[in-house]
């Protein structure tokens, strides 16, 4: 959700620069089930445009209509939306609507937090009551500073009202090592998910940022001098089409403990890589070998580069969410715990 909130913040600032007011809609509580869960947000603009969504598209127009009073008065409120008799969600949404102002100080601090890949917290005060109007709202807590979303927020409401709090992790990151056509497809597909994509290509055939739509960075460097940065929100896919380079990068990745390393190639190639790894680094841990997925991707019959990208991204997502892929039609009861 961090990438969704990032888009909201940037668009809100652009709106302000053009004299357009903003209202932030946040699902702060849910009774029953819904398409999306508490913590999702949507930006409403006084020019009638929206960024993000709090549902699958069926709730948004009602939220936009009910937000008009917030645009007019500048005072936050809570609205409810009962989807039990109108949608397939079978739940009641409690949505906080608050004026949303992005100061330059907050924007600079927020960008730094994203760059440093820091966890941040958002806390919202509310009351479970339809058309509840009060000086309620949200505070975002970055590493060193806290900021109010609404200029009219009374911080004492956090002592007298219910509150919803959420910790947001850094944007999920994909490190692609390789610069061929299939790597371009994987990059563009991952960027559509809101993932930050960094690409390392060959120093002998360096590529430009324009060659990888959606990429955050593209550099051409050899395995020997490549500087790799890996955290718990980073997956790696080796797409070199070069056995020796894959082996060198694997040896370099071992001390960094990535949770997922996908490698293109056959099962036979995987066995050869494992044998070579044992030869050059006999003390490699079992956990490291468990993090290697080769051939990368789920078995969905993928053939084209676009389909292979989908297969790999699906496997990464399943591992990230700790899910065993199955058809949803085999599930009874709630999809999400």
C-alpha atoms as a PDB file:
ATOM      1  CA  UNK A   1       0.000   0.000   0.000  1.00  0.00           C
ATOM      2  CA  UNK A   2       2.977   2.340   0.348  1.00  0.00           C
ATOM      3  CA  UNK A   3       3.151   2.919  -3.396  1.00  0.00           C
ATOM      4  CA  UNK A   4      -0.560   3.858  -3.423  1.00  0.00           C
ATOM      5  CA  UNK A   5      -0.059   6.363  -0.640  1.00  0.00           C
ATOM      6  CA  UNK A   6       3.013   7.758  -2.412  1.00  0.00           C
ATOM      7  CA  UNK A   7       0.934   8.407  -5.535  1.00  0.00           C
ATOM      8  CA  UNK A   8      -1.697  10.141  -3.402  1.00  0.00           C
ATOM      9  CA  UNK A   9       0.834  12.430  -1.730  1.00  0.00           C
ATOM     10  CA  UNK A  10       2.472  13.464  -5.001  1.00  0.00           C
ATOM     11  CA  UNK A  11      -0.861  14.118  -6.725  1.00  0.00           C
ATOM     12  CA  UNK A  12      -2.140  16.118  -3.737  1.00  0.00           C
ATOM     13  CA  UNK A  13       0.904  18.384  -3.937  1.00  0.00           C
ATOM     14  CA  UNK A  14       0.389  18.900  -7.666  1.00  0.00           C
ATOM     15  CA  UNK A  15      -3.248  19.766  -6.992  1.00  0.00           C
ATOM     16  CA  UNK A  16      -2.281  22.309  -4.349  1.00  0.00           C
ATOM     17  CA  UNK A  17       0.142  23.964  -6.747  1.00  0.00           C
ATOM     18  CA  UNK A  18      -2.789  24.394  -9.158  1.00  0.00           C
ATOM     19  CA  UNK A  19      -5.173  25.736  -6.513  1.00  0.00           C
ATOM     20  CA  UNK A  20      -7.148  22.486  -6.237  1.00  0.00           C
ATOM     21  CA  UNK A  21      -8.355  21.280  -2.828  1.00  0.00           C
ATOM     22  CA  UNK A  22      -7.876  17.695  -1.607  1.00  0.00           C
ATOM     23  CA  UNK A  23      -9.866  15.342   0.587  1.00  0.00           C
ATOM     24  CA  UNK A  24      -8.401  12.021   1.736  1.00  0.00           C
ATOM     25  CA  UNK A  25     -10.718   9.028   2.145  1.00  0.00           C
ATOM     26  CA  UNK A  26      -9.495   6.183   4.392  1.00  0.00           C
ATOM     27  CA  UNK A  27     -11.255   2.966   5.343  1.00  0.00           C
ATOM     28  CA  UNK A  28     -10.706   2.954   9.111  1.00  0.00           C
ATOM     29  CA  UNK A  29     -13.051   0.122  10.125  1.00  0.00           C
ATOM     30  CA  UNK A  30     -14.916  -2.779   8.547  1.00  0.00           C
ATOM     31  CA  UNK A  31     -17.778  -4.921   9.781  1.00  0.00           C
ATOM     32  CA  UNK A  32     -18.111  -8.060   7.688  1.00  0.00           C
ATOM     33  CA  UNK A  33     -16.219  -8.518   4.432  1.00  0.00           C
ATOM     34  CA  UNK A  34     -15.234  -6.115   1.697  1.00  0.00           C
ATOM     35  CA  UNK A  35     -13.256  -6.003  -1.552  1.00  0.00           C
ATOM     36  CA  UNK A  36     -10.546  -3.945   0.198  1.00  0.00           C
ATOM     37  CA  UNK A  37      -9.559  -3.711   3.837  1.00  0.00           C
ATOM     38  CA  UNK A  38      -8.982  -0.984   6.438  1.00  0.00           C
ATOM     39  CA  UNK A  39      -5.968   1.133   5.576  1.00  0.00           C
ATOM     40  CA  UNK A  40      -6.728   1.664   1.878  1.00  0.00           C
ATOM     41  CA  UNK A  41      -6.962   5.288   0.777  1.00  0.00           C
ATOM     42  CA  UNK A  42      -8.263   7.423  -2.054  1.00  0.00           C
ATOM     43  CA  UNK A  43      -7.590  11.059  -2.937  1.00  0.00           C
ATOM     44  CA  UNK A  44     -10.561  13.194  -3.954  1.00  0.00           C
ATOM     45  CA  UNK A  45      -9.923  16.499  -5.712  1.00  0.00           C
ATOM     46  CA  UNK A  46     -12.189  19.545  -5.893  1.00  0.00           C
ATOM     47  CA  UNK A  47     -12.003  19.308  -9.710  1.00  0.00           C
ATOM     48  CA  UNK A  48     -13.830  15.959  -9.520  1.00  0.00           C
ATOM     49  CA  UNK A  49     -10.843  13.673 -10.134  1.00  0.00           C
ATOM     50  CA  UNK A  50      -9.808  10.728  -7.985  1.00  0.00           C
ATOM     51  CA  UNK A  51      -6.556   8.851  -7.331  1.00  0.00           C
ATOM     52  CA  UNK A  52      -6.676   5.373  -5.832  1.00  0.00           C
ATOM     53  CA  UNK A  53      -9.752   3.445  -4.731  1.00  0.00           C
ATOM     54  CA  UNK A  54     -11.380   2.179  -1.541  1.00  0.00           C
ATOM     55  CA  UNK A  55     -13.307  -0.563  -3.320  1.00  0.00           C
ATOM     56  CA  UNK A  56     -13.649  -2.182  -6.717  1.00  0.00           C
ATOM     57  CA  UNK A  57     -15.338   0.900  -8.133  1.00  0.00           C
ATOM     58  CA  UNK A  58     -18.819   0.570  -6.661  1.00  0.00           C
ATOM     59  CA  UNK A  59     -18.301   2.760  -3.575  1.00  0.00           C
ATOM     60  CA  UNK A  60     -16.222   5.565  -5.043  1.00  0.00           C
ATOM     61  CA  UNK A  61     -19.024   7.718  -6.485  1.00  0.00           C
ATOM     62  CA  UNK A  62     -20.864   7.718  -3.158  1.00  0.00           C
ATOM     63  CA  UNK A  63     -17.648   8.684  -1.358  1.00  0.00           C
ATOM     64  CA  UNK A  64     -17.118  11.503  -3.830  1.00  0.00           C
ATOM     65  CA  UNK A  65     -20.660  12.774  -3.272  1.00  0.00           C
ATOM     66  CA  UNK A  66     -20.416  12.629   0.510  1.00  0.00           C
ATOM     67  CA  UNK A  67     -17.011  14.346   0.489  1.00  0.00           C
ATOM     68  CA  UNK A  68     -18.438  17.590  -0.910  1.00  0.00           C
ATOM     69  CA  UNK A  69     -19.308  18.865   2.572  1.00  0.00           C
ATOM     70  CA  UNK A  70     -15.662  18.408   3.620  1.00  0.00           C
ATOM     71  CA  UNK A  71     -14.522  20.470   0.641  1.00  0.00           C
ATOM     72  CA  UNK A  72     -16.993  23.174   1.643  1.00  0.00           C
ATOM     73  CA  UNK A  73     -16.454  23.269   5.429  1.00  0.00           C
ATOM     74  CA  UNK A  74     -12.885  22.008   5.804  1.00  0.00           C
ATOM     75  CA  UNK A  75     -14.048  19.776   8.686  1.00  0.00           C
ATOM     76  CA  UNK A  76     -13.508  16.012   8.700  1.00  0.00           C
ATOM     77  CA  UNK A  77     -16.283  13.452   8.991  1.00  0.00           C
ATOM     78  CA  UNK A  78     -16.984   9.727   9.003  1.00  0.00           C
ATOM     79  CA  UNK A  79     -19.362   8.128   6.519  1.00  0.00           C
ATOM     80  CA  UNK A  80     -20.612   4.567   6.409  1.00  0.00           C
ATOM     81  CA  UNK A  81     -21.367   2.472   3.365  1.00  0.00           C
ATOM     82  CA  UNK A  82     -23.473  -0.648   3.809  1.00  0.00           C
ATOM     83  CA  UNK A  83     -22.771  -3.006   0.946  1.00  0.00           C
ATOM     84  CA  UNK A  84     -24.713  -5.975   2.265  1.00  0.00           C
ATOM     85  CA  UNK A  85     -27.711  -5.397   0.029  1.00  0.00           C
ATOM     86  CA  UNK A  86     -25.998  -3.705  -2.909  1.00  0.00           C
ATOM     87  CA  UNK A  87     -22.666  -5.470  -3.386  1.00  0.00           C
ATOM     88  CA  UNK A  88     -21.099  -8.869  -3.049  1.00  0.00           C
ATOM     89  CA  UNK A  89     -18.973  -7.613  -0.158  1.00  0.00           C
ATOM     90  CA  UNK A  90     -21.443  -8.264   2.662  1.00  0.00           C
ATOM     91  CA  UNK A  91     -19.920  -5.615   4.898  1.00  0.00           C
ATOM     92  CA  UNK A  92     -20.213  -2.119   6.312  1.00  0.00           C
ATOM     93  CA  UNK A  93     -17.371   0.285   5.578  1.00  0.00           C
ATOM     94  CA  UNK A  94     -16.470   3.156   7.900  1.00  0.00           C
ATOM     95  CA  UNK A  95     -14.665   5.778   5.842  1.00  0.00           C
ATOM     96  CA  UNK A  96     -12.853   8.796   7.258  1.00  0.00           C
ATOM     97  CA  UNK A  97     -13.024  11.874   5.016  1.00  0.00           C
ATOM     98  CA  UNK A  98     -10.567  14.613   5.936  1.00  0.00           C
ATOM     99  CA  UNK A  99      -9.001  17.678   4.310  1.00  0.00           C
ATOM    100  CA  UNK A 100      -5.565  16.698   3.063  1.00  0.00           C
ATOM    101  CA  UNK A 101      -2.758  19.237   2.975  1.00  0.00           C
ATOM    102  CA  UNK A 102       0.831  18.427   1.952  1.00  0.00           C
ATOM    103  CA  UNK A 103       3.407  20.891   3.257  1.00  0.00           C
ATOM    104  CA  UNK A 104       6.772  21.186   1.551  1.00  0.00           C
ATOM    105  CA  UNK A 105       8.461  20.207   4.811  1.00  0.00           C
ATOM    106  CA  UNK A 106       6.438  17.001   4.997  1.00  0.00           C
ATOM    107  CA  UNK A 107       7.000  16.238   1.304  1.00  0.00           C
ATOM    108  CA  UNK A 108      10.775  16.564   1.642  1.00  0.00           C
ATOM    109  CA  UNK A 109      10.802  14.414   4.779  1.00  0.00           C
ATOM    110  CA  UNK A 110       8.514  11.828   3.143  1.00  0.00           C
ATOM    111  CA  UNK A 111      10.714  11.564   0.034  1.00  0.00           C
ATOM    112  CA  UNK A 112      13.752  11.032   2.250  1.00  0.00           C
ATOM    113  CA  UNK A 113      11.920   8.307   4.158  1.00  0.00           C
ATOM    114  CA  UNK A 114      11.049   6.536   0.891  1.00  0.00           C
ATOM    115  CA  UNK A 115      14.616   6.843  -0.360  1.00  0.00           C
ATOM    116  CA  UNK A 116      15.995   5.386   2.878  1.00  0.00           C
ATOM    117  CA  UNK A 117      13.366   2.624   2.775  1.00  0.00           C
ATOM    118  CA  UNK A 118      12.080   3.337   6.274  1.00  0.00           C
ATOM    119  CA  UNK A 119       8.918   2.035   7.920  1.00  0.00           C
ATOM    120  CA  UNK A 120       6.393   4.740   8.793  1.00  0.00           C
ATOM    121  CA  UNK A 121       3.107   4.855  10.694  1.00  0.00           C
ATOM    122  CA  UNK A 122      -0.280   6.471  10.027  1.00  0.00           C
ATOM    123  CA  UNK A 123      -2.794   6.868  12.867  1.00  0.00           C
ATOM    124  CA  UNK A 124      -6.385   8.026  12.251  1.00  0.00           C
ATOM    125  CA  UNK A 125      -8.976   9.042  14.857  1.00  0.00           C
ATOM    126  CA  UNK A 126     -12.648   8.333  14.097  1.00  0.00           C
ATOM    127  CA  UNK A 127     -16.016   7.340  15.501  1.00  0.00           C
ATOM    128  CA  UNK A 128     -18.212   4.499  14.246  1.00  0.00           C
ATOM    129  CA  UNK A 129     -21.116   6.748  13.352  1.00  0.00           C
ATOM    130  CA  UNK A 130     -22.493   7.801   9.968  1.00  0.00           C
ATOM    131  CA  UNK A 131     -22.104  11.511   9.116  1.00  0.00           C
ATOM    132  CA  UNK A 132     -20.066  12.070  12.269  1.00  0.00           C
ATOM    133  CA  UNK A 133     -18.539  15.541  11.859  1.00  0.00           C
ATOM    134  CA  UNK A 134     -15.685  16.614  14.118  1.00  0.00           C
ATOM    135  CA  UNK A 135     -12.037  17.756  14.119  1.00  0.00           C
ATOM    136  CA  UNK A 136     -10.823  14.185  13.693  1.00  0.00           C
ATOM    137  CA  UNK A 137      -8.187  13.032  11.236  1.00  0.00           C
ATOM    138  CA  UNK A 138      -4.803  11.422  10.692  1.00  0.00           C
ATOM    139  CA  UNK A 139      -1.185  11.838  11.703  1.00  0.00           C
ATOM    140  CA  UNK A 140       1.759  10.356   9.817  1.00  0.00           C
ATOM    141  CA  UNK A 141       4.783   9.437  11.907  1.00  0.00           C
ATOM    142  CA  UNK A 142       8.061   9.364  10.006  1.00  0.00           C
ATOM    143  CA  UNK A 143      11.420   8.490  11.543  1.00  0.00           C
ATOM    144  CA  UNK A 144      12.125  11.917  13.032  1.00  0.00           C
ATOM    145  CA  UNK A 145       8.916  13.939  12.665  1.00  0.00           C
ATOM    146  CA  UNK A 146       5.127  13.700  12.766  1.00  0.00           C
ATOM    147  CA  UNK A 147       2.709  15.587  10.529  1.00  0.00           C
ATOM    148  CA  UNK A 148      -1.053  16.146  10.567  1.00  0.00           C
ATOM    149  CA  UNK A 149      -2.939  15.543   7.330  1.00  0.00           C
ATOM    150  CA  UNK A 150      -5.733  18.001   8.146  1.00  0.00           C
ATOM    151  CA  UNK A 151      -4.973  21.612   9.197  1.00  0.00           C
ATOM    152  CA  UNK A 152      -8.023  21.494  11.522  1.00  0.00           C
ATOM    153  CA  UNK A 153      -7.113  18.239  13.309  1.00  0.00           C
ATOM    154  CA  UNK A 154      -7.531  18.375  17.079  1.00  0.00           C
ATOM    155  CA  UNK A 155      -4.911  15.931  18.349  1.00  0.00           C
ATOM    156  CA  UNK A 156      -6.846  15.464  21.585  1.00  0.00           C
ATOM    157  CA  UNK A 157      -9.319  13.340  19.585  1.00  0.00           C
ATOM    158  CA  UNK A 158      -6.847  10.457  19.786  1.00  0.00           C
ATOM    159  CA  UNK A 159      -7.561  10.357  23.542  1.00  0.00           C
ATOM    160  CA  UNK A 160     -11.343  10.575  23.220  1.00  0.00           C
ATOM    161  CA  UNK A 161     -12.084   8.624  20.016  1.00  0.00           C
ATOM    162  CA  UNK A 162     -11.347   5.267  18.509  1.00  0.00           C
ATOM    163  CA  UNK A 163      -8.276   5.182  16.296  1.00  0.00           C
ATOM    164  CA  UNK A 164      -6.911   3.057  13.484  1.00  0.00           C
ATOM    165  CA  UNK A 165      -3.156   2.666  13.164  1.00  0.00           C
ATOM    166  CA  UNK A 166      -1.124   1.189  10.363  1.00  0.00           C
ATOM    167  CA  UNK A 167       2.572   0.517   9.814  1.00  0.00           C
ATOM    168  CA  UNK A 168       3.604   0.848   6.180  1.00  0.00           C
ATOM    169  CA  UNK A 169       6.672  -0.963   4.924  1.00  0.00           C
ATOM    170  CA  UNK A 170       9.036   0.387   2.245  1.00  0.00           C
ATOM    171  CA  UNK A 171       7.822  -0.084  -1.314  1.00  0.00           C
ATOM    172  CA  UNK A 172       8.449  -3.647  -2.422  1.00  0.00           C
ATOM    173  CA  UNK A 173      11.623  -3.782  -4.511  1.00  0.00           C
ATOM    174  CA  UNK A 174      12.669  -6.050  -7.362  1.00  0.00           C
ATOM    175  CA  UNK A 175      16.325  -6.267  -8.386  1.00  0.00           C
ATOM    176  CA  UNK A 176      16.681  -7.586 -11.938  1.00  0.00           C
ATOM    177  CA  UNK A 177      20.155  -8.668 -12.994  1.00  0.00           C
ATOM    178  CA  UNK A 178      20.167  -8.906 -16.773  1.00  0.00           C
ATOM    179  CA  UNK A 179      19.363  -6.639 -19.676  1.00  0.00           C
ATOM    180  CA  UNK A 180      17.694  -8.682 -22.394  1.00  0.00           C
ATOM    181  CA  UNK A 181      14.157  -8.481 -23.798  1.00  0.00           C
ATOM    182  CA  UNK A 182      12.640 -10.736 -21.115  1.00  0.00           C
ATOM    183  CA  UNK A 183      14.128  -8.526 -18.381  1.00  0.00           C
ATOM    184  CA  UNK A 184      12.419  -5.497 -19.942  1.00  0.00           C
ATOM    185  CA  UNK A 185       9.063  -7.287 -19.816  1.00  0.00           C
ATOM    186  CA  UNK A 186       9.575  -8.322 -16.200  1.00  0.00           C
ATOM    187  CA  UNK A 187      10.499  -4.744 -15.288  1.00  0.00           C
ATOM    188  CA  UNK A 188       7.430  -3.180 -16.903  1.00  0.00           C
ATOM    189  CA  UNK A 189       5.093  -5.781 -15.379  1.00  0.00           C
ATOM    190  CA  UNK A 190       6.565  -5.339 -11.888  1.00  0.00           C
ATOM    191  CA  UNK A 191       6.255  -1.556 -12.113  1.00  0.00           C
ATOM    192  CA  UNK A 192       2.519  -1.957 -12.769  1.00  0.00           C
ATOM    193  CA  UNK A 193       2.286  -3.597  -9.339  1.00  0.00           C
ATOM    194  CA  UNK A 194       3.850  -0.495  -7.793  1.00  0.00           C
ATOM    195  CA  UNK A 195       7.153  -2.255  -7.131  1.00  0.00           C
ATOM    196  CA  UNK A 196      10.405  -0.304  -7.268  1.00  0.00           C
ATOM    197  CA  UNK A 197      12.551  -1.941  -9.929  1.00  0.00           C
ATOM    198  CA  UNK A 198      16.330  -1.600 -10.145  1.00  0.00           C
ATOM    199  CA  UNK A 199      18.175  -3.187 -13.054  1.00  0.00           C
ATOM    200  CA  UNK A 200      21.803  -4.275 -13.392  1.00  0.00           C
ATOM    201  CA  UNK A 201      22.945  -4.971 -16.946  1.00  0.00           C
ATOM    202  CA  UNK A 202      26.245  -6.075 -18.442  1.00  0.00           C
ATOM    203  CA  UNK A 203      29.100  -3.604 -18.435  1.00  0.00           C
ATOM    204  CA  UNK A 204      29.813  -4.706 -22.024  1.00  0.00           C
ATOM    205  CA  UNK A 205      26.275  -3.909 -23.161  1.00  0.00           C
ATOM    206  CA  UNK A 206      25.046  -1.122 -20.848  1.00  0.00           C
ATOM    207  CA  UNK A 207      21.456   0.029 -21.139  1.00  0.00           C
ATOM    208  CA  UNK A 208      19.720   3.323 -20.405  1.00  0.00           C
ATOM    209  CA  UNK A 209      16.802   4.074 -18.104  1.00  0.00           C
ATOM    210  CA  UNK A 210      14.670   4.653 -21.205  1.00  0.00           C
ATOM    211  CA  UNK A 211      15.279   1.034 -22.228  1.00  0.00           C
ATOM    212  CA  UNK A 212      13.402  -0.212 -19.136  1.00  0.00           C
ATOM    213  CA  UNK A 213       9.953   1.414 -18.786  1.00  0.00           C
ATOM    214  CA  UNK A 214       9.011   1.721 -15.124  1.00  0.00           C
ATOM    215  CA  UNK A 215      12.528   1.179 -13.749  1.00  0.00           C
ATOM    216  CA  UNK A 216      13.870   3.186 -10.835  1.00  0.00           C
ATOM    217  CA  UNK A 217      17.501   2.787 -11.923  1.00  0.00           C
ATOM    218  CA  UNK A 218      19.544   1.028 -14.594  1.00  0.00           C
ATOM    219  CA  UNK A 219      23.320   0.534 -14.377  1.00  0.00           C
ATOM    220  CA  UNK A 220      25.843  -1.473 -16.373  1.00  0.00           C
ATOM    221  CA  UNK A 221      28.448  -3.131 -14.191  1.00  0.00           C
ATOM    222  CA  UNK A 222      30.362  -6.384 -13.783  1.00  0.00           C
ATOM    223  CA  UNK A 223      29.562  -8.865 -10.976  1.00  0.00           C
ATOM    224  CA  UNK A 224      32.962  -8.205  -9.405  1.00  0.00           C
ATOM    225  CA  UNK A 225      32.275  -4.530  -8.642  1.00  0.00           C
ATOM    226  CA  UNK A 226      28.470  -4.482  -8.463  1.00  0.00           C
ATOM    227  CA  UNK A 227      27.221  -2.983  -5.185  1.00  0.00           C
ATOM    228  CA  UNK A 228      24.150  -4.937  -4.093  1.00  0.00           C
ATOM    229  CA  UNK A 229      21.692  -3.594  -1.523  1.00  0.00           C
ATOM    230  CA  UNK A 230      19.150  -6.101  -0.222  1.00  0.00           C
ATOM    231  CA  UNK A 231      16.541  -5.842   2.542  1.00  0.00           C
ATOM    232  CA  UNK A 232      13.525  -7.881   3.665  1.00  0.00           C
ATOM    233  CA  UNK A 233      11.342  -6.204   1.018  1.00  0.00           C
ATOM    234  CA  UNK A 234      13.630  -7.032  -1.920  1.00  0.00           C
ATOM    235  CA  UNK A 235      13.453  -9.954  -4.352  1.00  0.00           C
ATOM    236  CA  UNK A 236      16.150 -10.766  -6.913  1.00  0.00           C
ATOM    237  CA  UNK A 237      15.829 -12.315 -10.370  1.00  0.00           C
ATOM    238  CA  UNK A 238      18.912 -13.368 -12.356  1.00  0.00           C
ATOM    239  CA  UNK A 239      18.260 -13.059 -16.095  1.00  0.00           C
ATOM    240  CA  UNK A 240      21.792 -12.903 -17.482  1.00  0.00           C
ATOM    241  CA  UNK A 241      21.513 -15.822 -19.909  1.00  0.00           C
ATOM    242  CA  UNK A 242      25.106 -16.355 -18.816  1.00  0.00           C
ATOM    243  CA  UNK A 243      25.983 -19.241 -16.529  1.00  0.00           C
ATOM    244  CA  UNK A 244      29.232 -17.777 -15.187  1.00  0.00           C
ATOM    245  CA  UNK A 245      27.624 -14.419 -14.334  1.00  0.00           C
ATOM    246  CA  UNK A 246      24.735 -16.139 -12.560  1.00  0.00           C
ATOM    247  CA  UNK A 247      27.228 -18.111 -10.476  1.00  0.00           C
ATOM    248  CA  UNK A 248      29.227 -14.984  -9.584  1.00  0.00           C
ATOM    249  CA  UNK A 249      26.116 -13.096  -8.553  1.00  0.00           C
ATOM    250  CA  UNK A 250      24.885 -16.012  -6.449  1.00  0.00           C
ATOM    251  CA  UNK A 251      28.155 -16.063  -4.516  1.00  0.00           C
ATOM    252  CA  UNK A 252      27.847 -12.316  -4.008  1.00  0.00           C
ATOM    253  CA  UNK A 253      24.214 -12.550  -2.864  1.00  0.00           C
ATOM    254  CA  UNK A 254      24.783 -15.258  -0.223  1.00  0.00           C
ATOM    255  CA  UNK A 255      25.854 -13.002   2.660  1.00  0.00           C
ATOM    256  CA  UNK A 256      22.966 -10.597   1.930  1.00  0.00           C
ATOM    257  CA  UNK A 257      20.282 -13.252   2.652  1.00  0.00           C
ATOM    258  CA  UNK A 258      17.578 -12.320   0.105  1.00  0.00           C
ATOM    259  CA  UNK A 259      14.331 -14.192   0.696  1.00  0.00           C
ATOM    260  CA  UNK A 260      13.874 -14.875  -3.031  1.00  0.00           C
ATOM    261  CA  UNK A 261      16.389 -15.416  -5.827  1.00  0.00           C
ATOM    262  CA  UNK A 262      14.796 -16.413  -9.108  1.00  0.00           C
ATOM    263  CA  UNK A 263      16.979 -17.809 -11.891  1.00  0.00           C
ATOM    264  CA  UNK A 264      16.044 -18.478 -15.499  1.00  0.00           C
ATOM    265  CA  UNK A 265      16.986 -21.824 -16.965  1.00  0.00           C
ATOM    266  CA  UNK A 266      16.302 -25.524 -16.793  1.00  0.00           C
ATOM    267  CA  UNK A 267      16.285 -27.905 -13.846  1.00  0.00           C
ATOM    268  CA  UNK A 268      19.517 -29.384 -15.194  1.00  0.00           C
ATOM    269  CA  UNK A 269      21.133 -25.940 -15.125  1.00  0.00           C
ATOM    270  CA  UNK A 270      19.939 -25.501 -11.527  1.00  0.00           C
ATOM    271  CA  UNK A 271      21.678 -28.711 -10.449  1.00  0.00           C
ATOM    272  CA  UNK A 272      24.878 -27.600 -12.160  1.00  0.00           C
ATOM    273  CA  UNK A 273      24.741 -24.228 -10.372  1.00  0.00           C
ATOM    274  CA  UNK A 274      24.210 -25.896  -7.005  1.00  0.00           C
ATOM    275  CA  UNK A 275      27.177 -28.195  -7.537  1.00  0.00           C
ATOM    276  CA  UNK A 276      29.384 -25.261  -8.520  1.00  0.00           C
ATOM    277  CA  UNK A 277      28.219 -23.271  -5.495  1.00  0.00           C
ATOM    278  CA  UNK A 278      29.242 -26.119  -3.195  1.00  0.00           C
ATOM    279  CA  UNK A 279      32.615 -26.240  -4.915  1.00  0.00           C
ATOM    280  CA  UNK A 280      33.383 -22.531  -4.477  1.00  0.00           C
ATOM    281  CA  UNK A 281      31.624 -22.027  -1.138  1.00  0.00           C
ATOM    282  CA  UNK A 282      31.180 -25.333   0.730  1.00  0.00           C
ATOM    283  CA  UNK A 283      29.868 -23.559   3.841  1.00  0.00           C
ATOM    284  CA  UNK A 284      26.761 -22.098   2.181  1.00  0.00           C
ATOM    285  CA  UNK A 285      23.734 -22.365   4.445  1.00  0.00           C
ATOM    286  CA  UNK A 286      20.667 -24.456   3.771  1.00  0.00           C
ATOM    287  CA  UNK A 287      18.561 -21.285   4.120  1.00  0.00           C
ATOM    288  CA  UNK A 288      20.393 -19.740   1.177  1.00  0.00           C
ATOM    289  CA  UNK A 289      19.670 -22.718  -1.051  1.00  0.00           C
ATOM    290  CA  UNK A 290      16.025 -22.576   0.012  1.00  0.00           C
ATOM    291  CA  UNK A 291      15.884 -18.982  -1.221  1.00  0.00           C
ATOM    292  CA  UNK A 292      16.868 -20.020  -4.764  1.00  0.00           C
ATOM    293  CA  UNK A 293      13.959 -20.621  -7.162  1.00  0.00           C
ATOM    294  CA  UNK A 294      15.171 -22.159 -10.381  1.00  0.00           C
ATOM    295  CA  UNK A 295      13.568 -22.344 -12.838  1.00  0.00           C
ATOM    296  CA  UNK A 296      11.878 -19.153 -11.598  1.00  0.00           C
ATOM    297  CA  UNK A 297       8.099 -18.869 -11.671  1.00  0.00           C
ATOM    298  CA  UNK A 298       4.912 -20.821 -11.135  1.00  0.00           C
ATOM    299  CA  UNK A 299       3.891 -23.584 -13.514  1.00  0.00           C
ATOM    300  CA  UNK A 300       1.035 -21.811 -15.316  1.00  0.00           C
ATOM    301  CA  UNK A 301       2.027 -22.810 -18.858  1.00  0.00           C
ATOM    302  CA  UNK A 302       3.859 -19.544 -19.528  1.00  0.00           C
ATOM    303  CA  UNK A 303       5.484 -19.307 -22.970  1.00  0.00           C
ATOM    304  CA  UNK A 304       5.895 -15.681 -24.034  1.00  0.00           C
ATOM    305  CA  UNK A 305       8.158 -13.210 -22.185  1.00  0.00           C
ATOM    306  CA  UNK A 306       5.065 -11.446 -20.846  1.00  0.00           C
ATOM    307  CA  UNK A 307       3.620 -14.718 -19.550  1.00  0.00           C
ATOM    308  CA  UNK A 308       6.938 -15.718 -18.012  1.00  0.00           C
ATOM    309  CA  UNK A 309       7.050 -12.343 -16.248  1.00  0.00           C
ATOM    310  CA  UNK A 310       3.571 -13.019 -14.856  1.00  0.00           C
ATOM    311  CA  UNK A 311       4.673 -16.463 -13.693  1.00  0.00           C
ATOM    312  CA  UNK A 312       7.732 -15.072 -11.877  1.00  0.00           C
ATOM    313  CA  UNK A 313       5.878 -12.159 -10.271  1.00  0.00           C
ATOM    314  CA  UNK A 314       3.132 -14.506  -9.087  1.00  0.00           C
ATOM    315  CA  UNK A 315       5.700 -16.747  -7.409  1.00  0.00           C
ATOM    316  CA  UNK A 316       7.380 -13.784  -5.711  1.00  0.00           C
ATOM    317  CA  UNK A 317       4.041 -12.471  -4.471  1.00  0.00           C
ATOM    318  CA  UNK A 318       3.047 -15.894  -3.142  1.00  0.00           C
ATOM    319  CA  UNK A 319       6.340 -16.187  -1.266  1.00  0.00           C
ATOM    320  CA  UNK A 320       6.034 -12.647   0.073  1.00  0.00           C
ATOM    321  CA  UNK A 321       2.512 -13.279   1.377  1.00  0.00           C
ATOM    322  CA  UNK A 322       3.398 -16.810   2.503  1.00  0.00           C
ATOM    323  CA  UNK A 323       0.687 -18.398   0.387  1.00  0.00           C
ATOM    324  CA  UNK A 324       0.563 -21.715  -1.442  1.00  0.00           C
ATOM    325  CA  UNK A 325      -0.988 -20.963  -4.865  1.00  0.00           C
ATOM    326  CA  UNK A 326      -4.375 -22.612  -5.373  1.00  0.00           C
ATOM    327  CA  UNK A 327      -7.484 -21.747  -7.340  1.00  0.00           C
ATOM    328  CA  UNK A 328      -9.730 -19.447  -5.291  1.00  0.00           C
ATOM    329  CA  UNK A 329     -12.743 -21.572  -6.190  1.00  0.00           C
ATOM    330  CA  UNK A 330     -11.366 -24.326  -3.936  1.00  0.00           C
ATOM    331  CA  UNK A 331     -11.509 -22.027  -0.906  1.00  0.00           C
ATOM    332  CA  UNK A 332     -14.483 -21.958   1.435  1.00  0.00           C
ATOM    333  CA  UNK A 333     -14.939 -19.091   3.862  1.00  0.00           C
ATOM    334  CA  UNK A 334     -12.773 -15.975   3.919  1.00  0.00           C
ATOM    335  CA  UNK A 335     -10.012 -15.540   1.325  1.00  0.00           C
ATOM    336  CA  UNK A 336      -7.966 -13.339   3.673  1.00  0.00           C
ATOM    337  CA  UNK A 337      -7.492 -14.304   7.297  1.00  0.00           C
END
